[in-house]
Amino acid sequence: MAYVNTDATYYSPNATSVDVTASCTPYNPANHAKAMVMLIHKTSGSAIVADTVVQTNTKATLTDSLGILPSDPRGTYYVLIVWYNFDNDPVLTAQSKDIF
């Protein structure tokens, strides 16, 4: 089972990033090429920030820091991670708890 943790559950209006740690199980290095890490605005469903983490085939755990701006919409967010294989097909997804 995959999981996603964030460094906090509340971010002030002056916050500059959301730090993410994630792990995927079952882990198969031959089947995990990259991961898309997205900060999703829960109300609109829009991705506020999206990063691609490459070479996820070397370890089951990944870390990423998603930059956020004071001008980004406020509200409830969550982090969504989608792992992809070498054919660019999604193989696993995980979602964090809500972030306020």
Protein backbone atom coordinates (compact mmCIF):
# COMPACT_ATOMS: atom_id res chain seq x y z
CA MET A 1 0.00 0.00 0.00
CA ALA A 2 1.34 3.41 -0.92
CA TYR A 3 1.30 6.34 1.46
CA VAL A 4 2.00 10.07 1.42
CA ASN A 5 3.06 12.22 4.38
CA THR A 6 3.42 16.00 4.45
CA ASP A 7 5.46 18.09 6.87
CA ALA A 8 2.38 19.84 8.34
CA THR A 9 -1.39 19.87 8.14
CA TYR A 10 -1.75 23.66 8.29
CA TYR A 11 0.11 26.23 6.21
CA SER A 12 0.20 29.92 6.98
CA PRO A 13 -0.48 32.47 4.22
CA ASN A 14 3.29 33.05 4.06
CA ALA A 15 4.21 29.39 3.59
CA THR A 16 6.62 28.77 0.72
CA SER A 17 6.57 24.99 0.35
CA VAL A 18 4.92 21.70 1.19
CA ASP A 19 7.46 18.97 1.94
CA VAL A 20 6.33 15.51 0.87
CA THR A 21 7.55 12.02 1.70
CA ALA A 22 5.98 9.03 -0.01
CA SER A 23 6.51 5.32 -0.28
CA CYS A 24 5.02 2.69 -2.51
CA THR A 25 4.43 -0.97 -1.76
CA PRO A 26 4.53 -3.31 -3.54
CA TYR A 27 7.69 -1.88 -5.02
CA ASN A 28 9.10 -3.23 -8.24
CA PRO A 29 12.14 -1.31 -9.57
CA ALA A 30 11.52 -2.68 -13.04
CA ASN A 31 8.05 -1.12 -13.01
CA HIS A 32 8.58 2.30 -11.39
CA ALA A 33 10.19 4.88 -13.67
CA LYS A 34 8.89 8.18 -12.28
CA ALA A 35 6.24 9.78 -10.12
CA MET A 36 4.08 12.86 -10.56
CA VAL A 37 3.68 14.76 -7.28
CA MET A 38 0.77 17.22 -7.28
CA LEU A 39 -0.69 19.67 -4.78
CA ILE A 40 -4.44 19.62 -5.46
CA HIS A 41 -6.88 22.36 -4.40
CA LYS A 42 -9.68 20.25 -2.97
CA THR A 43 -12.60 22.55 -3.81
CA SER A 44 -11.72 23.11 -7.46
CA GLY A 45 -9.82 19.86 -8.11
CA SER A 46 -7.11 21.88 -9.83
CA ALA A 47 -3.43 21.08 -9.50
CA ILE A 48 -1.73 24.12 -7.93
CA VAL A 49 1.77 22.65 -8.27
CA ALA A 50 2.98 19.57 -10.15
CA ASP A 51 6.47 18.07 -10.05
CA THR A 52 7.88 15.03 -11.78
CA VAL A 53 10.27 12.93 -9.72
CA VAL A 54 12.42 10.75 -11.96
CA GLN A 55 14.41 7.61 -11.26
CA THR A 56 11.94 6.22 -8.75
CA ASN A 57 13.18 2.80 -9.85
CA THR A 58 16.16 3.15 -7.50
CA LYS A 59 14.22 3.32 -4.21
CA ALA A 60 10.73 2.80 -2.81
CA THR A 61 10.64 6.11 -0.91
CA LEU A 62 10.70 9.56 -2.48
CA THR A 63 10.86 13.09 -1.12
CA ASP A 64 9.89 16.30 -2.84
CA SER A 65 9.30 19.92 -1.91
CA LEU A 66 6.37 21.57 -3.66
CA GLY A 67 6.81 25.33 -3.85
CA ILE A 68 3.76 27.43 -3.10
CA LEU A 69 3.19 31.15 -3.43
CA PRO A 70 1.25 33.58 -1.23
CA SER A 71 -0.86 34.30 -4.32
CA ASP A 72 -1.95 30.64 -4.67
CA PRO A 73 -5.61 30.08 -3.76
CA ARG A 74 -6.17 29.28 -0.09
CA GLY A 75 -8.37 26.55 1.22
CA THR A 76 -8.05 22.81 1.65
CA TYR A 77 -5.39 20.91 -0.32
CA TYR A 78 -4.11 17.38 -0.57
CA VAL A 79 -1.05 15.85 -2.20
CA LEU A 80 -1.64 13.27 -4.92
CA ILE A 81 1.17 11.07 -6.21
CA VAL A 82 0.93 8.89 -9.29
CA TRP A 83 3.75 6.44 -10.01
CA TYR A 84 4.35 5.53 -13.68
CA ASN A 85 6.12 2.61 -15.34
CA PHE A 86 8.62 2.90 -18.18
CA ASP A 87 5.77 2.84 -20.74
CA ASN A 88 4.31 5.95 -19.01
CA ASP A 89 1.31 3.98 -17.71
CA PRO A 90 0.12 4.76 -14.17
CA VAL A 91 0.78 1.83 -11.83
CA LEU A 92 -0.03 3.20 -8.37
CA THR A 93 -1.57 6.27 -6.73
CA ALA A 94 -1.58 7.64 -3.20
CA GLN A 95 -3.16 10.67 -1.56
CA SER A 96 -2.26 12.57 1.60
CA LYS A 97 -4.61 13.68 4.34
CA ASP A 98 -6.09 17.15 3.94
CA ILE A 99 -3.87 20.19 4.35
CA PHE A 100 -5.39 23.48 5.51
